[in-house]
Structure formats: C-alpha cells, structure tokens
PDB file of N, CA and C in Angstrom:
ATOM      1  N   MET A   1       0.841  -1.174   0.000  1.00  0.00           N
ATOM      2  CA  MET A   1       0.000   0.000   0.000  1.00  0.00           C
ATOM      3  C   MET A   1       0.892   1.245   0.000  1.00  0.00           C
ATOM      4  N   THR A   2       0.655   2.143  -0.917  1.00  0.00           N
ATOM      5  CA  THR A   2       1.446   3.360  -0.985  1.00  0.00           C
ATOM      6  C   THR A   2       0.813   4.436  -0.112  1.00  0.00           C
ATOM      7  N   THR A   3       1.662   5.244   0.472  1.00  0.00           N
ATOM      8  CA  THR A   3       1.201   6.338   1.308  1.00  0.00           C
ATOM      9  C   THR A   3       1.265   7.613   0.484  1.00  0.00           C
ATOM     10  N   SER A   4       0.219   8.393   0.521  1.00  0.00           N
ATOM     11  CA  SER A   4       0.185   9.635  -0.242  1.00  0.00           C
ATOM     12  C   SER A   4       1.088  10.687   0.401  1.00  0.00           C
ATOM     13  N   MET A   5       1.481  11.660  -0.411  1.00  0.00           N
ATOM     14  CA  MET A   5       2.311  12.753   0.095  1.00  0.00           C
ATOM     15  C   MET A   5       1.575  13.515   1.196  1.00  0.00           C
ATOM     16  N   ALA A   6       0.251  13.682   1.038  1.00  0.00           N
ATOM     17  CA  ALA A   6      -0.540  14.379   2.059  1.00  0.00           C
ATOM     18  C   ALA A   6      -0.505  13.628   3.388  1.00  0.00           C
ATOM     19  N   GLN A   7      -0.581  12.303   3.340  1.00  0.00           N
ATOM     20  CA  GLN A   7      -0.533  11.508   4.564  1.00  0.00           C
ATOM     21  C   GLN A   7       0.850  11.573   5.204  1.00  0.00           C
ATOM     22  N   LEU A   8       1.892  11.516   4.391  1.00  0.00           N
ATOM     23  CA  LEU A   8       3.254  11.641   4.920  1.00  0.00           C
ATOM     24  C   LEU A   8       3.447  12.990   5.607  1.00  0.00           C
ATOM     25  N   MET A   9       2.890  14.051   5.005  1.00  0.00           N
ATOM     26  CA  MET A   9       3.008  15.382   5.599  1.00  0.00           C
ATOM     27  C   MET A   9       2.285  15.433   6.939  1.00  0.00           C
ATOM     28  N   ARG A  10       1.104  14.835   7.012  1.00  0.00           N
ATOM     29  CA  ARG A  10       0.362  14.820   8.274  1.00  0.00           C
ATOM     30  C   ARG A  10       1.136  14.065   9.357  1.00  0.00           C
ATOM     31  N   GLU A  11       1.687  12.918   9.009  1.00  0.00           N
ATOM     32  CA  GLU A  11       2.438  12.124   9.983  1.00  0.00           C
ATOM     33  C   GLU A  11       3.668  12.879  10.467  1.00  0.00           C
ATOM     34  N   GLN A  12       4.343  13.562   9.549  1.00  0.00           N
ATOM     35  CA  GLN A  12       5.518  14.343   9.935  1.00  0.00           C
ATOM     36  C   GLN A  12       5.111  15.548  10.779  1.00  0.00           C
ATOM     37  N   ALA A  13       4.030  16.222  10.402  1.00  0.00           N
ATOM     38  CA  ALA A  13       3.557  17.379  11.164  1.00  0.00           C
ATOM     39  C   ALA A  13       3.206  16.979  12.596  1.00  0.00           C
ATOM     40  N   ARG A  14       2.585  15.840  12.749  1.00  0.00           N
ATOM     41  CA  ARG A  14       2.225  15.375  14.094  1.00  0.00           C
ATOM     42  C   ARG A  14       3.458  15.138  14.953  1.00  0.00           C
ATOM     43  N   LEU A  15       4.506  14.585  14.351  1.00  0.00           N
ATOM     44  CA  LEU A  15       5.758  14.391  15.090  1.00  0.00           C
ATOM     45  C   LEU A  15       6.382  15.741  15.444  1.00  0.00           C
ATOM     46  N   ILE A  16       6.383  16.672  14.520  1.00  0.00           N
ATOM     47  CA  ILE A  16       6.926  18.008  14.787  1.00  0.00           C
ATOM     48  C   ILE A  16       6.169  18.668  15.932  1.00  0.00           C
ATOM     49  N   ILE A  17       4.854  18.518  15.954  1.00  0.00           N
ATOM     50  CA  ILE A  17       4.044  19.083  17.039  1.00  0.00           C
ATOM     51  C   ILE A  17       4.451  18.470  18.378  1.00  0.00           C
ATOM     52  N   LEU A  18       4.577  17.158  18.434  1.00  0.00           N
ATOM     53  CA  LEU A  18       4.970  16.508  19.693  1.00  0.00           C
ATOM     54  C   LEU A  18       6.354  16.975  20.143  1.00  0.00           C
ATOM     55  N   LYS A  19       7.291  17.075  19.209  1.00  0.00           N
ATOM     56  CA  LYS A  19       8.641  17.534  19.555  1.00  0.00           C
ATOM     57  C   LYS A  19       8.630  18.980  20.030  1.00  0.00           C
ATOM     58  N   ALA A  20       7.794  19.821  19.398  1.00  0.00           N
ATOM     59  CA  ALA A  20       7.693  21.220  19.818  1.00  0.00           C
ATOM     60  C   ALA A  20       7.151  21.320  21.236  1.00  0.00           C
ATOM     61  N   LEU A  21       6.172  20.495  21.566  1.00  0.00           N
ATOM     62  CA  LEU A  21       5.636  20.486  22.927  1.00  0.00           C
ATOM     63  C   LEU A  21       6.702  20.059  23.930  1.00  0.00           C
ATOM     64  N   LEU A  22       7.446  19.021  23.586  1.00  0.00           N
ATOM     65  CA  LEU A  22       8.500  18.526  24.482  1.00  0.00           C
ATOM     66  C   LEU A  22       9.570  19.584  24.735  1.00  0.00           C
ATOM     67  N   SER A  23       9.804  20.440  23.757  1.00  0.00           N
ATOM     68  CA  SER A  23      10.866  21.442  23.883  1.00  0.00           C
ATOM     69  C   SER A  23      10.499  22.602  24.811  1.00  0.00           C
ATOM     70  N   GLN A  24       9.225  22.699  25.181  1.00  0.00           N
ATOM     71  CA  GLN A  24       8.776  23.781  26.061  1.00  0.00           C
ATOM     72  C   GLN A  24       8.929  23.370  27.523  1.00  0.00           C
ATOM     73  N   ASN A  25       9.268  24.323  28.367  1.00  0.00           N
ATOM     74  CA  ASN A  25       9.430  24.025  29.799  1.00  0.00           C
ATOM     75  C   ASN A  25       8.187  23.390  30.401  1.00  0.00           C
ATOM     76  N   ASP A  26       7.011  23.878  30.016  1.00  0.00           N
ATOM     77  CA  ASP A  26       5.767  23.339  30.565  1.00  0.00           C
ATOM     78  C   ASP A  26       5.081  22.367  29.608  1.00  0.00           C
ATOM     79  N   GLU A  27       5.768  22.022  28.513  1.00  0.00           N
ATOM     80  CA  GLU A  27       5.275  21.071  27.504  1.00  0.00           C
ATOM     81  C   GLU A  27       3.922  21.485  26.934  1.00  0.00           C
ATOM     82  N   ARG A  28       3.708  22.812  26.776  1.00  0.00           N
ATOM     83  CA  ARG A  28       2.471  23.337  26.211  1.00  0.00           C
ATOM     84  C   ARG A  28       2.785  24.384  25.155  1.00  0.00           C
ATOM     85  N   LEU A  29       1.917  24.461  24.138  1.00  0.00           N
ATOM     86  CA  LEU A  29       1.990  25.489  23.100  1.00  0.00           C
ATOM     87  C   LEU A  29       0.593  25.740  22.562  1.00  0.00           C
ATOM     88  N   ASN A  30       0.375  26.937  22.027  1.00  0.00           N
ATOM     89  CA  ASN A  30      -0.914  27.198  21.405  1.00  0.00           C
ATOM     90  C   ASN A  30      -0.825  26.974  19.897  1.00  0.00           C
ATOM     91  N   SER A  31      -1.986  26.826  19.286  1.00  0.00           N
ATOM     92  CA  SER A  31      -2.053  26.471  17.866  1.00  0.00           C
ATOM     93  C   SER A  31      -1.476  27.554  16.962  1.00  0.00           C
ATOM     94  N   ASP A  32      -1.558  28.811  17.356  1.00  0.00           N
ATOM     95  CA  ASP A  32      -0.955  29.877  16.556  1.00  0.00           C
ATOM     96  C   ASP A  32       0.556  29.692  16.452  1.00  0.00           C
ATOM     97  N   LEU A  33       1.194  29.391  17.571  1.00  0.00           N
ATOM     98  CA  LEU A  33       2.641  29.179  17.563  1.00  0.00           C
ATOM     99  C   LEU A  33       3.016  27.915  16.786  1.00  0.00           C
ATOM    100  N   MET A  34       2.150  26.908  16.810  1.00  0.00           N
ATOM    101  CA  MET A  34       2.423  25.680  16.064  1.00  0.00           C
ATOM    102  C   MET A  34       2.395  25.915  14.556  1.00  0.00           C
ATOM    103  N   VAL A  35       1.538  26.822  14.098  1.00  0.00           N
ATOM    104  CA  VAL A  35       1.517  27.181  12.676  1.00  0.00           C
ATOM    105  C   VAL A  35       2.905  27.654  12.260  1.00  0.00           C
ATOM    106  N   HIS A  36       3.503  28.510  13.078  1.00  0.00           N
ATOM    107  CA  HIS A  36       4.839  29.044  12.764  1.00  0.00           C
ATOM    108  C   HIS A  36       5.923  27.968  12.872  1.00  0.00           C
ATOM    109  N   GLU A  37       5.797  27.108  13.852  1.00  0.00           N
ATOM    110  CA  GLU A  37       6.774  26.017  14.018  1.00  0.00           C
ATOM    111  C   GLU A  37       6.744  25.082  12.815  1.00  0.00           C
ATOM    112  N   LEU A  38       5.568  24.707  12.354  1.00  0.00           N
ATOM    113  CA  LEU A  38       5.447  23.830  11.195  1.00  0.00           C
ATOM    114  C   LEU A  38       5.994  24.502   9.940  1.00  0.00           C
ATOM    115  N   ALA A  39       5.775  25.809   9.802  1.00  0.00           N
ATOM    116  CA  ALA A  39       6.280  26.536   8.634  1.00  0.00           C
ATOM    117  C   ALA A  39       7.808  26.487   8.554  1.00  0.00           C
ATOM    118  N   ARG A  40       8.465  26.454   9.706  1.00  0.00           N
ATOM    119  CA  ARG A  40       9.940  26.321   9.714  1.00  0.00           C
ATOM    120  C   ARG A  40      10.395  25.048   9.023  1.00  0.00           C
ATOM    121  N   PHE A  41       9.549  24.030   9.027  1.00  0.00           N
ATOM    122  CA  PHE A  41       9.865  22.739   8.416  1.00  0.00           C
ATOM    123  C   PHE A  41       9.218  22.581   7.038  1.00  0.00           C
ATOM    124  N   GLY A  42       8.749  23.688   6.478  1.00  0.00           N
ATOM    125  CA  GLY A  42       8.180  23.656   5.140  1.00  0.00           C
ATOM    126  C   GLY A  42       6.747  23.175   5.066  1.00  0.00           C
ATOM    127  N   ILE A  43       6.074  23.128   6.193  1.00  0.00           N
ATOM    128  CA  ILE A  43       4.664  22.728   6.216  1.00  0.00           C
ATOM    129  C   ILE A  43       3.850  23.986   6.489  1.00  0.00           C
ATOM    130  N   SER A  44       3.394  24.616   5.423  1.00  0.00           N
ATOM    131  CA  SER A  44       2.665  25.885   5.524  1.00  0.00           C
ATOM    132  C   SER A  44       1.168  25.617   5.481  1.00  0.00           C
ATOM    133  N   LYS A  45       0.578  25.529   6.642  1.00  0.00           N
ATOM    134  CA  LYS A  45      -0.849  25.251   6.771  1.00  0.00           C
ATOM    135  C   LYS A  45      -1.472  26.280   7.714  1.00  0.00           C
ATOM    136  N   ASP A  46      -2.783  26.454   7.609  1.00  0.00           N
ATOM    137  CA  ASP A  46      -3.462  27.419   8.467  1.00  0.00           C
ATOM    138  C   ASP A  46      -3.827  26.803   9.822  1.00  0.00           C
ATOM    139  N   ARG A  47      -4.331  27.654  10.694  1.00  0.00           N
ATOM    140  CA  ARG A  47      -4.656  27.216  12.048  1.00  0.00           C
ATOM    141  C   ARG A  47      -5.730  26.136  12.064  1.00  0.00           C
ATOM    142  N   ALA A  48      -6.705  26.216  11.159  1.00  0.00           N
ATOM    143  CA  ALA A  48      -7.759  25.198  11.108  1.00  0.00           C
ATOM    144  C   ALA A  48      -7.167  23.820  10.817  1.00  0.00           C
ATOM    145  N   TRP A  49      -6.176  23.749   9.932  1.00  0.00           N
ATOM    146  CA  TRP A  49      -5.518  22.478   9.614  1.00  0.00           C
ATOM    147  C   TRP A  49      -4.782  21.951  10.849  1.00  0.00           C
ATOM    148  N   VAL A  50      -4.080  22.850  11.532  1.00  0.00           N
ATOM    149  CA  VAL A  50      -3.368  22.462  12.761  1.00  0.00           C
ATOM    150  C   VAL A  50      -4.357  21.960  13.803  1.00  0.00           C
ATOM    151  N   HIS A  51      -5.508  22.603  13.914  1.00  0.00           N
ATOM    152  CA  HIS A  51      -6.530  22.150  14.868  1.00  0.00           C
ATOM    153  C   HIS A  51      -6.948  20.713  14.563  1.00  0.00           C
ATOM    154  N   GLY A  52      -7.061  20.375  13.292  1.00  0.00           N
ATOM    155  CA  GLY A  52      -7.399  18.998  12.920  1.00  0.00           C
ATOM    156  C   GLY A  52      -6.338  18.011  13.362  1.00  0.00           C
ATOM    157  N   GLU A  53      -5.078  18.403  13.242  1.00  0.00           N
ATOM    158  CA  GLU A  53      -3.985  17.521  13.677  1.00  0.00           C
ATOM    159  C   GLU A  53      -3.949  17.412  15.198  1.00  0.00           C
ATOM    160  N   LEU A  54      -4.245  18.502  15.883  1.00  0.00           N
ATOM    161  CA  LEU A  54      -4.321  18.448  17.351  1.00  0.00           C
ATOM    162  C   LEU A  54      -5.453  17.535  17.789  1.00  0.00           C
ATOM    163  N   ASP A  55      -6.579  17.610  17.102  1.00  0.00           N
ATOM    164  CA  ASP A  55      -7.704  16.720  17.418  1.00  0.00           C
ATOM    165  C   ASP A  55      -7.299  15.260  17.256  1.00  0.00           C
ATOM    166  N   TYR A  56      -6.566  14.965  16.168  1.00  0.00           N
ATOM    167  CA  TYR A  56      -6.114  13.589  15.939  1.00  0.00           C
ATOM    168  C   TYR A  56      -5.193  13.129  17.080  1.00  0.00           C
ATOM    169  N   LEU A  57      -4.219  13.975  17.411  1.00  0.00           N
ATOM    170  CA  LEU A  57      -3.280  13.605  18.481  1.00  0.00           C
ATOM    171  C   LEU A  57      -3.993  13.445  19.824  1.00  0.00           C
ATOM    172  N   GLU A  58      -5.008  14.253  20.066  1.00  0.00           N
ATOM    173  CA  GLU A  58      -5.776  14.106  21.306  1.00  0.00           C
ATOM    174  C   GLU A  58      -6.562  12.799  21.290  1.00  0.00           C
ATOM    175  N   ASP A  59      -7.175  12.472  20.154  1.00  0.00           N
ATOM    176  CA  ASP A  59      -7.904  11.202  20.029  1.00  0.00           C
ATOM    177  C   ASP A  59      -6.992  10.003  20.277  1.00  0.00           C
ATOM    178  N   MET A  60      -5.727  10.130  19.912  1.00  0.00           N
ATOM    179  CA  MET A  60      -4.755   9.046  20.107  1.00  0.00           C
ATOM    180  C   MET A  60      -4.155   9.041  21.512  1.00  0.00           C
ATOM    181  N   GLY A  61      -4.513  10.033  22.327  1.00  0.00           N
ATOM    182  CA  GLY A  61      -4.020  10.101  23.703  1.00  0.00           C
ATOM    183  C   GLY A  61      -2.641  10.710  23.837  1.00  0.00           C
ATOM    184  N   ALA A  62      -2.121  11.309  22.758  1.00  0.00           N
ATOM    185  CA  ALA A  62      -0.767  11.862  22.775  1.00  0.00           C
ATOM    186  C   ALA A  62      -0.692  13.233  23.426  1.00  0.00           C
ATOM    187  N   ILE A  63      -1.792  13.972  23.388  1.00  0.00           N
ATOM    188  CA  ILE A  63      -1.833  15.317  23.952  1.00  0.00           C
ATOM    189  C   ILE A  63      -3.187  15.546  24.619  1.00  0.00           C
ATOM    190  N   VAL A  64      -3.232  16.611  25.412  1.00  0.00           N
ATOM    191  CA  VAL A  64      -4.472  17.105  25.997  1.00  0.00           C
ATOM    192  C   VAL A  64      -4.678  18.500  25.417  1.00  0.00           C
ATOM    193  N   VAL A  65      -5.888  18.801  24.943  1.00  0.00           N
ATOM    194  CA  VAL A  65      -6.168  20.070  24.285  1.00  0.00           C
ATOM    195  C   VAL A  65      -7.237  20.834  25.045  1.00  0.00           C
ATOM    196  N   LYS A  66      -7.003  22.144  25.195  1.00  0.00           N
ATOM    197  CA  LYS A  66      -7.999  23.051  25.762  1.00  0.00           C
ATOM    198  C   LYS A  66      -8.233  24.166  24.759  1.00  0.00           C
ATOM    199  N   SER A  67      -9.486  24.477  24.503  1.00  0.00           N
ATOM    200  CA  SER A  67      -9.829  25.586  23.616  1.00  0.00           C
ATOM    201  C   SER A  67      -9.966  26.858  24.439  1.00  0.00           C
ATOM    202  N   ILE A  68      -9.306  27.905  23.968  1.00  0.00           N
ATOM    203  CA  ILE A  68      -9.394  29.217  24.611  1.00  0.00           C
ATOM    204  C   ILE A  68      -9.721  30.203  23.498  1.00  0.00           C
ATOM    205  N   GLY A  69     -10.981  30.529  23.374  1.00  0.00           N
ATOM    206  CA  GLY A  69     -11.427  31.355  22.254  1.00  0.00           C
ATOM    207  C   GLY A  69     -11.229  30.589  20.961  1.00  0.00           C
ATOM    208  N   SER A  70     -10.588  31.229  20.000  1.00  0.00           N
ATOM    209  CA  SER A  70     -10.357  30.580  18.705  1.00  0.00           C
ATOM    210  C   SER A  70      -9.034  29.828  18.642  1.00  0.00           C
ATOM    211  N   VAL A  71      -8.313  29.787  19.740  1.00  0.00           N
ATOM    212  CA  VAL A  71      -7.008  29.127  19.801  1.00  0.00           C
ATOM    213  C   VAL A  71      -7.120  27.863  20.641  1.00  0.00           C
ATOM    214  N   LYS A  72      -6.341  26.856  20.272  1.00  0.00           N
ATOM    215  CA  LYS A  72      -6.260  25.647  21.081  1.00  0.00           C
ATOM    216  C   LYS A  72      -4.881  25.593  21.727  1.00  0.00           C
ATOM    217  N   VAL A  73      -4.859  25.188  22.979  1.00  0.00           N
ATOM    218  CA  VAL A  73      -3.601  25.008  23.700  1.00  0.00           C
ATOM    219  C   VAL A  73      -3.421  23.519  23.933  1.00  0.00           C
ATOM    220  N   ALA A  74      -2.297  22.999  23.472  1.00  0.00           N
ATOM    221  CA  ALA A  74      -2.005  21.573  23.593  1.00  0.00           C
ATOM    222  C   ALA A  74      -0.926  21.351  24.642  1.00  0.00           C
ATOM    223  N   GLU A  75      -1.077  20.250  25.368  1.00  0.00           N
ATOM    224  CA  GLU A  75      -0.094  19.842  26.369  1.00  0.00           C
ATOM    225  C   GLU A  75       0.273  18.387  26.106  1.00  0.00           C
ATOM    226  N   LEU A  76       1.558  18.096  26.146  1.00  0.00           N
ATOM    227  CA  LEU A  76       2.041  16.740  25.902  1.00  0.00           C
ATOM    228  C   LEU A  76       1.545  15.798  26.991  1.00  0.00           C
ATOM    229  N   ALA A  77       0.987  14.674  26.589  1.00  0.00           N
ATOM    230  CA  ALA A  77       0.533  13.646  27.528  1.00  0.00           C
ATOM    231  C   ALA A  77       1.589  12.535  27.590  1.00  0.00           C
ATOM    232  N   GLN A  78       1.431  11.656  28.550  1.00  0.00           N
ATOM    233  CA  GLN A  78       2.398  10.576  28.736  1.00  0.00           C
ATOM    234  C   GLN A  78       2.531   9.719  27.474  1.00  0.00           C
ATOM    235  N   THR A  79       1.432   9.438  26.803  1.00  0.00           N
ATOM    236  CA  THR A  79       1.488   8.628  25.577  1.00  0.00           C
ATOM    237  C   THR A  79       2.338   9.307  24.515  1.00  0.00           C
ATOM    238  N   GLY A  80       2.181  10.615  24.359  1.00  0.00           N
ATOM    239  CA  GLY A  80       3.000  11.361  23.401  1.00  0.00           C
ATOM    240  C   GLY A  80       4.469  11.318  23.764  1.00  0.00           C
ATOM    241  N   HIS A  81       4.762  11.450  25.044  1.00  0.00           N
ATOM    242  CA  HIS A  81       6.147  11.378  25.509  1.00  0.00           C
ATOM    243  C   HIS A  81       6.741   9.996  25.234  1.00  0.00           C
ATOM    244  N   ARG A  82       5.962   8.964  25.473  1.00  0.00           N
ATOM    245  CA  ARG A  82       6.451   7.598  25.236  1.00  0.00           C
ATOM    246  C   ARG A  82       6.710   7.357  23.752  1.00  0.00           C
ATOM    247  N   HIS A  83       5.911   7.989  22.873  1.00  0.00           N
ATOM    248  CA  HIS A  83       6.168   7.878  21.434  1.00  0.00           C
ATOM    249  C   HIS A  83       7.506   8.543  21.099  1.00  0.00           C
ATOM    250  N   LEU A  84       7.752   9.716  21.667  1.00  0.00           N
ATOM    251  CA  LEU A  84       8.991  10.437  21.376  1.00  0.00           C
ATOM    252  C   LEU A  84      10.231   9.700  21.865  1.00  0.00           C
ATOM    253  N   THR A  85      10.083   8.925  22.934  1.00  0.00           N
ATOM    254  CA  THR A  85      11.216   8.152  23.449  1.00  0.00           C
ATOM    255  C   THR A  85      11.265   6.747  22.849  1.00  0.00           C
ATOM    256  N   ARG A  86      10.407   6.494  21.854  1.00  0.00           N
ATOM    257  CA  ARG A  86      10.373   5.242  21.094  1.00  0.00           C
ATOM    258  C   ARG A  86       9.961   4.035  21.938  1.00  0.00           C
ATOM    259  N   GLN A  87       9.273   4.273  23.039  1.00  0.00           N
ATOM    260  CA  GLN A  87       8.774   3.166  23.857  1.00  0.00           C
ATOM    261  C   GLN A  87       7.531   2.552  23.237  1.00  0.00           C
ATOM    262  N   ILE A  88       6.749   3.383  22.533  1.00  0.00           N
ATOM    263  CA  ILE A  88       5.545   2.928  21.841  1.00  0.00           C
ATOM    264  C   ILE A  88       5.493   3.607  20.480  1.00  0.00           C
ATOM    265  N   THR A  89       4.578   3.152  19.639  1.00  0.00           N
ATOM    266  CA  THR A  89       4.344   3.793  18.352  1.00  0.00           C
ATOM    267  C   THR A  89       2.881   4.211  18.283  1.00  0.00           C
ATOM    268  N   ILE A  90       2.648   5.471  17.940  1.00  0.00           N
ATOM    269  CA  ILE A  90       1.291   5.969  17.753  1.00  0.00           C
ATOM    270  C   ILE A  90       0.992   5.924  16.265  1.00  0.00           C
ATOM    271  N   GLU A  91      -0.058   5.220  15.912  1.00  0.00           N
ATOM    272  CA  GLU A  91      -0.469   5.117  14.513  1.00  0.00           C
ATOM    273  C   GLU A  91      -0.734   6.508  13.946  1.00  0.00           C
ATOM    274  N   GLY A  92      -0.217   6.767  12.751  1.00  0.00           N
ATOM    275  CA  GLY A  92      -0.451   8.041  12.092  1.00  0.00           C
ATOM    276  C   GLY A  92       0.509   9.138  12.485  1.00  0.00           C
ATOM    277  N   VAL A  93       1.522   8.800  13.295  1.00  0.00           N
ATOM    278  CA  VAL A  93       2.547   9.758  13.693  1.00  0.00           C
ATOM    279  C   VAL A  93       3.901   9.187  13.281  1.00  0.00           C
ATOM    280  N   GLN A  94       4.665  10.000  12.554  1.00  0.00           N
ATOM    281  CA  GLN A  94       5.984   9.536  12.127  1.00  0.00           C
ATOM    282  C   GLN A  94       6.804   9.112  13.339  1.00  0.00           C
ATOM    283  N   ARG A  95       7.525   8.042  13.182  1.00  0.00           N
ATOM    284  CA  ARG A  95       8.376   7.535  14.264  1.00  0.00           C
ATOM    285  C   ARG A  95       9.628   8.406  14.359  1.00  0.00           C
ATOM    286  N   PRO A  96      10.005   8.817  15.550  1.00  0.00           N
ATOM    287  CA  PRO A  96      11.234   9.620  15.681  1.00  0.00           C
ATOM    288  C   PRO A  96      12.461   8.772  15.365  1.00  0.00           C
ATOM    289  N   THR A  97      13.493   9.432  14.889  1.00  0.00           N
ATOM    290  CA  THR A  97      14.721   8.697  14.609  1.00  0.00           C
ATOM    291  C   THR A  97      15.376   8.270  15.912  1.00  0.00           C
ATOM    292  N   ARG A  98      16.097   7.208  15.836  1.00  0.00           N
ATOM    293  CA  ARG A  98      16.800   6.675  16.995  1.00  0.00           C
ATOM    294  C   ARG A  98      17.904   7.659  17.399  1.00  0.00           C
ATOM    295  N   PRO A  99      18.062   7.940  18.680  1.00  0.00           N
ATOM    296  CA  PRO A  99      19.139   8.852  19.113  1.00  0.00           C
ATOM    297  C   PRO A  99      20.491   8.354  18.620  1.00  0.00           C
ATOM    298  N   GLY A 100      21.267   9.278  18.089  1.00  0.00           N
ATOM    299  CA  GLY A 100      22.606   8.927  17.606  1.00  0.00           C
ATOM    300  C   GLY A 100      22.621   8.339  16.214  1.00  0.00           C
ATOM    301  N   ALA A 101      21.449   8.191  15.582  1.00  0.00           N
ATOM    302  CA  ALA A 101      21.408   7.600  14.242  1.00  0.00           C
ATOM    303  C   ALA A 101      21.613   8.636  13.177  1.00  0.00           C
TER     304      ALA A 101
END
C-alpha cells in the first residue's frame, strides 16, 4: 500500500508538534505558535488544519487540548512522551529517529 504525500506530511507534522511540545518548559503550546513552528519545516498550513492535527493527536491520547477562544492550547501527555522516546508507536505519527542515528 502506498502512502500519499498528504498523509506523509500529516504524519511528519504530528511528530513536529509533539517535539515542539517537548521542547517547552511546561510542555504546552498554542495552535498559533504551532503554525509558525510547522512553517519552519516547510509545512505551511493554516490554524484550522493544525486544529485537525491536534484533534487527531488528542484522540490518540498523545496530547491534551484546551480551547481558549479561537485558539487551542495543547499539552504533551504521557502517551506522546512515550512515542517520542520510542517506547511505543502511535499510529499516524511519524516515528522519531533513533538517538545517535
């Protein structure tokens, strides 16, 4: 089964979101800032698209999301952290590279 470029982009964006959350002291970021973070990696999407990816990650248990007005604030959950440390794999999220690889 071949994976479409759109699906690959979504899987990569989800990993970038999890890594961005991990990089914060409180492991939280809002969706506006995530738009800019994704753009650094060549994924230029609007806030509504990012909200869809946050919804997916929340459904998978990787993050916890709170809506504040038109912005969503995401916080890394234990499942998301375990994916980043390669202890588990979350379907639909690109697997992080092995440290030192």
